Every structure is written in C-alpha cells, then in structure tokens.
N, C-alpha and C. Protein backbone atom coordinates (compact mmCIF):
# COMPACT_ATOMS: atom_id res chain seq x y z
N MET A 1 -3.76 6.45 -2.85
CA MET A 1 -3.64 5.17 -3.40
C MET A 1 -4.84 4.93 -4.37
N LYS A 2 -4.64 4.63 -5.57
CA LYS A 2 -5.72 4.46 -6.50
C LYS A 2 -5.80 2.97 -6.87
N THR A 3 -7.08 2.52 -7.12
CA THR A 3 -7.16 1.19 -7.52
C THR A 3 -7.88 1.02 -8.82
N PRO A 4 -7.18 0.59 -9.90
CA PRO A 4 -7.79 0.32 -11.18
C PRO A 4 -8.69 -0.93 -11.20
N LYS A 5 -9.19 -1.22 -12.37
CA LYS A 5 -10.16 -2.40 -12.48
C LYS A 5 -9.57 -3.67 -12.15
N ASN A 6 -8.22 -3.88 -12.19
CA ASN A 6 -7.63 -5.13 -11.89
C ASN A 6 -7.37 -5.35 -10.40
N ASN A 7 -7.84 -4.44 -9.54
CA ASN A 7 -7.79 -4.42 -8.12
C ASN A 7 -6.41 -4.42 -7.48
N ILE A 8 -5.38 -4.08 -8.26
CA ILE A 8 -4.07 -3.92 -7.75
C ILE A 8 -3.80 -2.44 -7.59
N PRO A 9 -3.71 -2.00 -6.33
CA PRO A 9 -3.64 -0.54 -6.13
C PRO A 9 -2.19 -0.05 -6.65
N TYR A 10 -2.24 1.27 -6.93
CA TYR A 10 -0.96 1.87 -7.37
C TYR A 10 -0.75 3.15 -6.71
N ILE A 11 0.43 3.56 -6.48
CA ILE A 11 0.85 4.80 -5.92
C ILE A 11 1.81 5.52 -6.82
N THR A 12 1.60 6.78 -7.04
CA THR A 12 2.47 7.60 -7.85
C THR A 12 3.54 8.11 -7.07
N LEU A 13 4.75 7.97 -7.58
CA LEU A 13 6.00 8.54 -6.94
C LEU A 13 6.53 9.63 -7.75
N PRO A 14 6.17 10.85 -7.43
CA PRO A 14 6.70 12.02 -8.18
C PRO A 14 8.18 12.23 -8.11
N SER A 15 8.80 12.49 -9.20
CA SER A 15 10.30 12.73 -9.29
C SER A 15 11.09 11.69 -8.48
N PHE A 16 10.71 10.48 -8.68
CA PHE A 16 11.28 9.36 -7.98
C PHE A 16 12.87 9.31 -8.07
N LEU A 17 13.40 9.31 -9.32
CA LEU A 17 14.87 9.17 -9.51
C LEU A 17 15.61 10.40 -8.94
N ARG A 18 15.00 11.60 -9.00
CA ARG A 18 15.67 12.75 -8.63
C ARG A 18 15.78 12.97 -7.08
N ARG A 19 14.81 12.28 -6.34
CA ARG A 19 14.79 12.42 -4.94
C ARG A 19 15.65 11.36 -4.21
N VAL A 20 15.99 10.33 -4.85
CA VAL A 20 16.72 9.22 -4.10
C VAL A 20 18.15 9.11 -4.59
N LEU A 21 19.01 8.72 -3.72
CA LEU A 21 20.37 8.31 -4.12
C LEU A 21 20.31 6.74 -4.16
N LYS A 22 21.21 6.16 -4.91
CA LYS A 22 21.28 4.73 -5.05
C LYS A 22 19.91 4.23 -5.58
N ALA A 23 19.37 4.88 -6.61
CA ALA A 23 18.07 4.51 -7.07
C ALA A 23 18.00 3.05 -7.62
N TYR A 24 19.07 2.52 -8.19
CA TYR A 24 19.02 1.18 -8.75
C TYR A 24 18.82 0.20 -7.58
N ALA A 25 19.54 0.42 -6.39
CA ALA A 25 19.38 -0.43 -5.30
C ALA A 25 17.98 -0.37 -4.73
N LEU A 26 17.38 0.82 -4.62
CA LEU A 26 16.05 0.95 -4.16
C LEU A 26 15.06 0.20 -5.13
N LYS A 27 15.29 0.46 -6.39
CA LYS A 27 14.33 -0.22 -7.33
C LYS A 27 14.49 -1.74 -7.22
N SER A 28 15.62 -2.28 -7.04
CA SER A 28 15.70 -3.76 -6.88
C SER A 28 15.14 -4.23 -5.59
N LEU A 29 15.28 -3.45 -4.53
CA LEU A 29 14.67 -3.78 -3.24
C LEU A 29 13.10 -3.81 -3.41
N ILE A 30 12.55 -2.86 -4.05
CA ILE A 30 11.07 -2.83 -4.20
C ILE A 30 10.64 -3.94 -5.10
N ARG A 31 11.36 -4.20 -6.18
CA ARG A 31 10.99 -5.27 -7.14
C ARG A 31 11.18 -6.69 -6.44
N ALA A 32 12.09 -6.77 -5.49
CA ALA A 32 12.30 -8.05 -4.83
C ALA A 32 11.13 -8.45 -3.95
N GLN A 33 10.29 -7.40 -3.53
CA GLN A 33 9.10 -7.72 -2.78
C GLN A 33 7.91 -8.12 -3.64
N GLY A 34 8.12 -8.17 -4.93
CA GLY A 34 7.07 -8.55 -5.89
C GLY A 34 6.23 -7.36 -6.41
N CYS A 35 6.67 -6.16 -6.04
CA CYS A 35 6.03 -4.92 -6.52
C CYS A 35 6.39 -4.59 -7.98
N GLU A 36 5.48 -3.96 -8.62
CA GLU A 36 5.85 -3.51 -10.02
C GLU A 36 6.17 -2.01 -9.97
N LEU A 37 7.30 -1.65 -10.43
CA LEU A 37 7.74 -0.18 -10.46
C LEU A 37 7.94 0.25 -11.86
N ASN A 38 7.12 1.13 -12.41
CA ASN A 38 7.24 1.52 -13.78
C ASN A 38 7.26 3.09 -13.90
N ARG A 39 7.95 3.56 -14.91
CA ARG A 39 7.93 4.96 -15.25
C ARG A 39 6.65 5.25 -16.00
N ILE A 40 6.03 6.43 -15.61
CA ILE A 40 4.82 6.86 -16.29
C ILE A 40 5.13 7.60 -17.57
N GLY A 41 4.94 6.94 -18.67
CA GLY A 41 5.36 7.64 -19.93
C GLY A 41 6.72 8.07 -20.02
N ARG A 42 6.94 9.26 -20.47
CA ARG A 42 8.21 9.91 -20.54
C ARG A 42 8.46 10.97 -19.49
N SER A 43 7.60 10.91 -18.50
CA SER A 43 7.73 11.93 -17.36
C SER A 43 8.75 11.37 -16.37
N ARG A 44 8.98 12.23 -15.30
CA ARG A 44 9.92 11.84 -14.32
C ARG A 44 9.20 11.14 -13.17
N ASN A 45 7.83 10.94 -13.29
CA ASN A 45 7.09 10.28 -12.28
C ASN A 45 7.06 8.79 -12.55
N TRP A 46 7.01 8.08 -11.39
CA TRP A 46 6.93 6.60 -11.46
C TRP A 46 5.71 6.11 -10.74
N GLN A 47 5.30 4.89 -11.02
CA GLN A 47 4.15 4.21 -10.53
C GLN A 47 4.48 2.93 -9.86
N LEU A 48 4.01 2.75 -8.61
CA LEU A 48 4.31 1.54 -7.82
C LEU A 48 2.96 0.77 -7.71
N LYS A 49 3.01 -0.47 -8.17
CA LYS A 49 1.80 -1.35 -8.06
C LYS A 49 2.13 -2.47 -7.09
N ALA A 50 1.31 -2.63 -6.10
CA ALA A 50 1.64 -3.67 -5.07
C ALA A 50 0.45 -3.96 -4.28
N THR A 51 0.40 -5.15 -3.62
CA THR A 51 -0.70 -5.47 -2.71
C THR A 51 -0.33 -4.85 -1.34
N PHE A 52 -1.24 -4.88 -0.47
CA PHE A 52 -1.09 -4.27 0.93
C PHE A 52 0.10 -4.90 1.64
N GLU A 53 0.16 -6.22 1.54
CA GLU A 53 1.31 -6.88 2.21
C GLU A 53 2.61 -6.47 1.64
N GLN A 54 2.69 -6.43 0.30
CA GLN A 54 3.90 -6.01 -0.34
C GLN A 54 4.37 -4.58 0.07
N LEU A 55 3.35 -3.73 0.19
CA LEU A 55 3.58 -2.33 0.62
C LEU A 55 4.13 -2.33 2.05
N GLU A 56 3.53 -3.18 2.94
CA GLU A 56 4.01 -3.21 4.30
C GLU A 56 5.43 -3.71 4.37
N GLN A 57 5.74 -4.69 3.66
CA GLN A 57 7.16 -5.25 3.66
C GLN A 57 8.13 -4.28 3.09
N THR A 58 7.74 -3.57 2.00
CA THR A 58 8.60 -2.64 1.40
C THR A 58 8.90 -1.38 2.35
N VAL A 59 7.89 -0.89 2.96
CA VAL A 59 8.09 0.21 3.95
C VAL A 59 9.02 -0.28 5.06
N TYR A 60 8.76 -1.44 5.56
CA TYR A 60 9.64 -2.00 6.68
C TYR A 60 11.11 -2.06 6.23
N LEU A 61 11.37 -2.58 5.06
CA LEU A 61 12.75 -2.72 4.58
C LEU A 61 13.35 -1.40 4.33
N ILE A 62 12.63 -0.39 3.83
CA ILE A 62 13.11 0.92 3.57
C ILE A 62 13.48 1.62 4.90
N GLU A 63 12.63 1.44 5.84
CA GLU A 63 12.85 2.09 7.15
C GLU A 63 14.16 1.43 7.87
N GLN A 64 14.32 0.13 7.58
CA GLN A 64 15.54 -0.51 8.19
C GLN A 64 16.79 -0.17 7.39
N SER A 65 16.70 0.34 6.26
CA SER A 65 17.91 0.68 5.53
C SER A 65 18.59 1.96 6.12
N GLU A 66 19.79 2.10 5.78
CA GLU A 66 20.60 3.29 6.36
C GLU A 66 20.62 4.44 5.40
N GLU A 67 19.91 4.25 4.24
CA GLU A 67 19.94 5.37 3.24
C GLU A 67 18.84 6.42 3.60
N VAL A 68 19.28 7.56 3.91
CA VAL A 68 18.37 8.60 4.34
C VAL A 68 17.45 9.17 3.21
N SER A 69 17.93 9.16 2.00
CA SER A 69 17.17 9.71 0.88
C SER A 69 15.97 8.74 0.56
N TRP A 70 16.02 7.55 1.03
CA TRP A 70 14.89 6.59 0.70
C TRP A 70 13.71 6.83 1.63
N GLN A 71 13.93 7.51 2.76
CA GLN A 71 12.88 7.65 3.74
C GLN A 71 11.62 8.30 3.26
N TRP A 72 11.77 9.26 2.35
CA TRP A 72 10.61 9.94 1.79
C TRP A 72 9.71 8.92 1.09
N VAL A 73 10.26 7.87 0.46
CA VAL A 73 9.43 6.92 -0.19
C VAL A 73 8.57 6.11 0.82
N ALA A 74 9.23 5.76 1.93
CA ALA A 74 8.51 5.09 2.96
C ALA A 74 7.35 5.93 3.56
N VAL A 75 7.63 7.21 3.76
CA VAL A 75 6.58 8.10 4.26
C VAL A 75 5.51 8.31 3.26
N HIS A 76 5.85 8.48 2.02
CA HIS A 76 4.86 8.64 0.94
C HIS A 76 3.97 7.37 0.79
N ILE A 77 4.58 6.21 0.84
CA ILE A 77 3.76 4.97 0.74
C ILE A 77 2.87 4.89 1.92
N SER A 78 3.34 5.21 3.10
CA SER A 78 2.55 5.10 4.30
C SER A 78 1.35 6.01 4.28
N LYS A 79 1.61 7.26 3.79
CA LYS A 79 0.46 8.13 3.67
C LYS A 79 -0.58 7.69 2.68
N GLN A 80 -0.12 7.17 1.56
CA GLN A 80 -1.08 6.70 0.57
C GLN A 80 -1.75 5.43 0.92
N ARG A 81 -1.13 4.64 1.74
CA ARG A 81 -1.70 3.40 2.24
C ARG A 81 -2.96 3.61 3.11
N LYS A 82 -3.00 4.86 3.69
CA LYS A 82 -4.21 5.08 4.51
C LYS A 82 -5.49 5.36 3.69
N ASN A 83 -5.36 5.49 2.44
CA ASN A 83 -6.51 5.73 1.55
C ASN A 83 -7.00 4.46 0.87
N LEU A 84 -7.03 3.38 1.64
CA LEU A 84 -7.44 2.14 1.06
C LEU A 84 -8.95 2.13 0.74
N GLY A 85 -9.33 1.52 -0.37
CA GLY A 85 -10.72 1.44 -0.62
C GLY A 85 -11.36 0.29 0.06
N LEU A 86 -12.72 0.17 0.05
CA LEU A 86 -13.47 -0.91 0.65
C LEU A 86 -13.03 -2.22 0.11
N ASP A 87 -12.79 -2.35 -1.16
CA ASP A 87 -12.34 -3.60 -1.77
C ASP A 87 -11.09 -4.09 -1.13
N MET A 88 -10.09 -3.22 -1.00
CA MET A 88 -8.83 -3.61 -0.42
C MET A 88 -8.96 -4.04 1.06
N LEU A 89 -9.75 -3.26 1.84
CA LEU A 89 -10.03 -3.64 3.20
C LEU A 89 -10.70 -4.95 3.38
N LEU A 90 -11.60 -5.26 2.43
CA LEU A 90 -12.26 -6.61 2.45
C LEU A 90 -11.25 -7.66 2.16
N ALA A 91 -10.43 -7.39 1.14
CA ALA A 91 -9.39 -8.48 0.82
C ALA A 91 -8.43 -8.74 1.93
N ILE A 92 -8.04 -7.67 2.68
CA ILE A 92 -7.17 -7.84 3.81
C ILE A 92 -7.90 -8.62 4.96
N ALA A 93 -9.15 -8.26 5.23
CA ALA A 93 -9.86 -8.96 6.24
C ALA A 93 -10.14 -10.42 5.89
N GLN A 94 -10.37 -10.69 4.65
CA GLN A 94 -10.72 -12.13 4.15
C GLN A 94 -9.48 -12.93 4.36
N LYS A 95 -8.31 -12.42 4.22
CA LYS A 95 -7.12 -13.21 4.37
C LYS A 95 -6.84 -13.68 5.79
N LYS A 96 -7.48 -12.95 6.73
CA LYS A 96 -7.26 -13.34 8.07
C LYS A 96 -8.62 -13.45 8.80
N PRO A 97 -9.18 -14.67 8.74
CA PRO A 97 -10.49 -14.93 9.41
C PRO A 97 -10.41 -14.63 10.92
N GLY A 98 -11.44 -14.07 11.46
CA GLY A 98 -11.52 -13.73 12.80
C GLY A 98 -10.78 -12.39 13.22
N ILE A 99 -10.43 -11.60 12.23
CA ILE A 99 -9.81 -10.37 12.54
C ILE A 99 -10.85 -9.43 13.24
N THR A 100 -10.36 -8.64 14.19
CA THR A 100 -11.16 -7.83 14.95
C THR A 100 -11.19 -6.37 14.34
N ILE A 101 -12.10 -5.58 14.80
CA ILE A 101 -12.23 -4.21 14.34
C ILE A 101 -10.93 -3.44 14.61
N SER A 102 -10.49 -3.55 15.90
CA SER A 102 -9.36 -2.74 16.33
C SER A 102 -8.10 -3.31 15.60
N GLU A 103 -8.01 -4.55 15.34
CA GLU A 103 -6.81 -5.12 14.65
C GLU A 103 -6.78 -4.57 13.14
N LEU A 104 -7.94 -4.55 12.50
CA LEU A 104 -8.04 -4.08 11.17
C LEU A 104 -7.69 -2.57 11.13
N MET A 105 -8.20 -1.83 12.12
CA MET A 105 -7.89 -0.44 12.14
C MET A 105 -6.34 -0.19 12.36
N GLN A 106 -5.78 -0.91 13.24
CA GLN A 106 -4.39 -0.74 13.57
C GLN A 106 -3.51 -1.15 12.37
N ARG A 107 -3.86 -2.19 11.63
CA ARG A 107 -3.07 -2.65 10.54
C ARG A 107 -3.22 -1.74 9.32
N THR A 108 -4.43 -1.12 9.06
CA THR A 108 -4.65 -0.39 7.81
C THR A 108 -4.86 1.15 8.02
N ASP A 109 -4.92 1.55 9.26
CA ASP A 109 -5.21 2.95 9.56
C ASP A 109 -6.53 3.46 9.03
N CYS A 110 -7.47 2.50 8.95
CA CYS A 110 -8.81 2.96 8.48
C CYS A 110 -9.61 3.49 9.68
N THR A 111 -10.79 4.08 9.35
CA THR A 111 -11.63 4.57 10.41
C THR A 111 -12.43 3.47 11.06
N ILE A 112 -12.97 3.68 12.18
CA ILE A 112 -13.81 2.70 12.89
C ILE A 112 -15.05 2.38 12.04
N ALA A 113 -15.61 3.38 11.42
CA ALA A 113 -16.74 3.10 10.55
C ALA A 113 -16.45 2.18 9.40
N GLU A 114 -15.30 2.43 8.75
CA GLU A 114 -14.85 1.60 7.63
C GLU A 114 -14.62 0.20 8.13
N ALA A 115 -13.98 0.04 9.27
CA ALA A 115 -13.67 -1.32 9.83
C ALA A 115 -14.96 -2.03 10.18
N ARG A 116 -15.85 -1.38 10.80
CA ARG A 116 -17.20 -2.00 11.09
C ARG A 116 -17.90 -2.43 9.90
N LYS A 117 -17.89 -1.62 8.80
CA LYS A 117 -18.57 -1.97 7.58
C LYS A 117 -17.94 -3.25 6.98
N VAL A 118 -16.66 -3.32 7.03
CA VAL A 118 -15.96 -4.49 6.48
C VAL A 118 -16.29 -5.74 7.28
N ILE A 119 -16.34 -5.64 8.61
CA ILE A 119 -16.62 -6.84 9.41
C ILE A 119 -18.03 -7.21 9.23
N ASP A 120 -18.92 -6.28 9.11
CA ASP A 120 -20.37 -6.61 8.86
C ASP A 120 -20.56 -7.29 7.45
N ILE A 121 -19.84 -6.83 6.51
CA ILE A 121 -19.92 -7.44 5.19
C ILE A 121 -19.43 -8.87 5.25
N LEU A 122 -18.30 -9.14 5.96
CA LEU A 122 -17.82 -10.44 6.10
C LEU A 122 -18.73 -11.37 6.90
N GLU A 123 -19.38 -10.83 7.99
CA GLU A 123 -20.13 -11.71 8.82
C GLU A 123 -21.48 -11.97 8.24
N PHE A 124 -22.12 -10.87 7.63
CA PHE A 124 -23.50 -11.02 7.19
C PHE A 124 -23.61 -11.13 5.70
N GLY A 125 -22.53 -10.87 4.96
CA GLY A 125 -22.54 -11.02 3.55
C GLY A 125 -23.34 -9.97 2.83
N ASP A 126 -23.64 -8.89 3.46
CA ASP A 126 -24.50 -7.83 2.91
C ASP A 126 -23.66 -6.57 2.69
N ASN A 127 -23.42 -6.09 1.44
CA ASN A 127 -22.63 -4.94 1.27
C ASN A 127 -23.44 -3.68 0.94
N THR A 128 -24.72 -3.76 1.34
CA THR A 128 -25.56 -2.56 1.04
C THR A 128 -25.74 -1.77 2.37
N LEU A 129 -24.87 -1.96 3.40
CA LEU A 129 -24.93 -1.23 4.66
C LEU A 129 -24.62 0.22 4.49
C-alpha cells in the first residue's frame, strides 16, 4: 500500500479485468463503498484509492459474495493493508480514542512496536520516539 502526498493510500491491482468475472459488478461494489478505482494509463493495471475503513468494508463484502474470481482481490487488499504507514496508523487510532495496543494490532495487523509508537505519539504528542 502506497500513500501519496494527499494521504489517501492506494493499492495497485495488476491485470484486474483479466482476473475477475463480472468485473462491472465488482467495480460498482467497490465504488459503492466510496473507493476510487481507476485504470493506470493505458495498461491493464488498476489503482484502488481508499481509506482503511473503506478497505475493510470492501474486503468484507467481497468475502461475503459468492463470486470465486473476486476472492483474489480480497486477498490482495488484505496483504497490502498490512503495510500501513505511521500516518495511517495514527489516523486510525485518532478516530477511536482510548484504543489499546492489542486492539490496534488486531485491527491493522501492525507490529507491537508500531502500535506502541502510535499510542505514545497520541498520549505524549511526541513523534520523535
């Protein structure tokens, strides 16, 4: 998962249309969650821009669907979601005051060191740790 300057992370979906059946239905499901799904130039690769919550909801809905060809998208998003930057972890933790280290780790699959750093930044306001 890469995060450009506007802090909205994006995930590259290689050969998106070639890997899924009922691509229009999947694209509408993804866009219904508020995610942006765009083709990268003239290539066969696509780019998914979404917040963490939108990614969680999208993965949940794809997993609940009965379309087998969509499952690789859910797995790919889940793998990329594990590479959240410190900025995204801070944003997630700030939305839920009182979040614990274990709760943050469970929700984002971050390491204990990353979770502790985020909690310390929130509690003490010092990001030079």
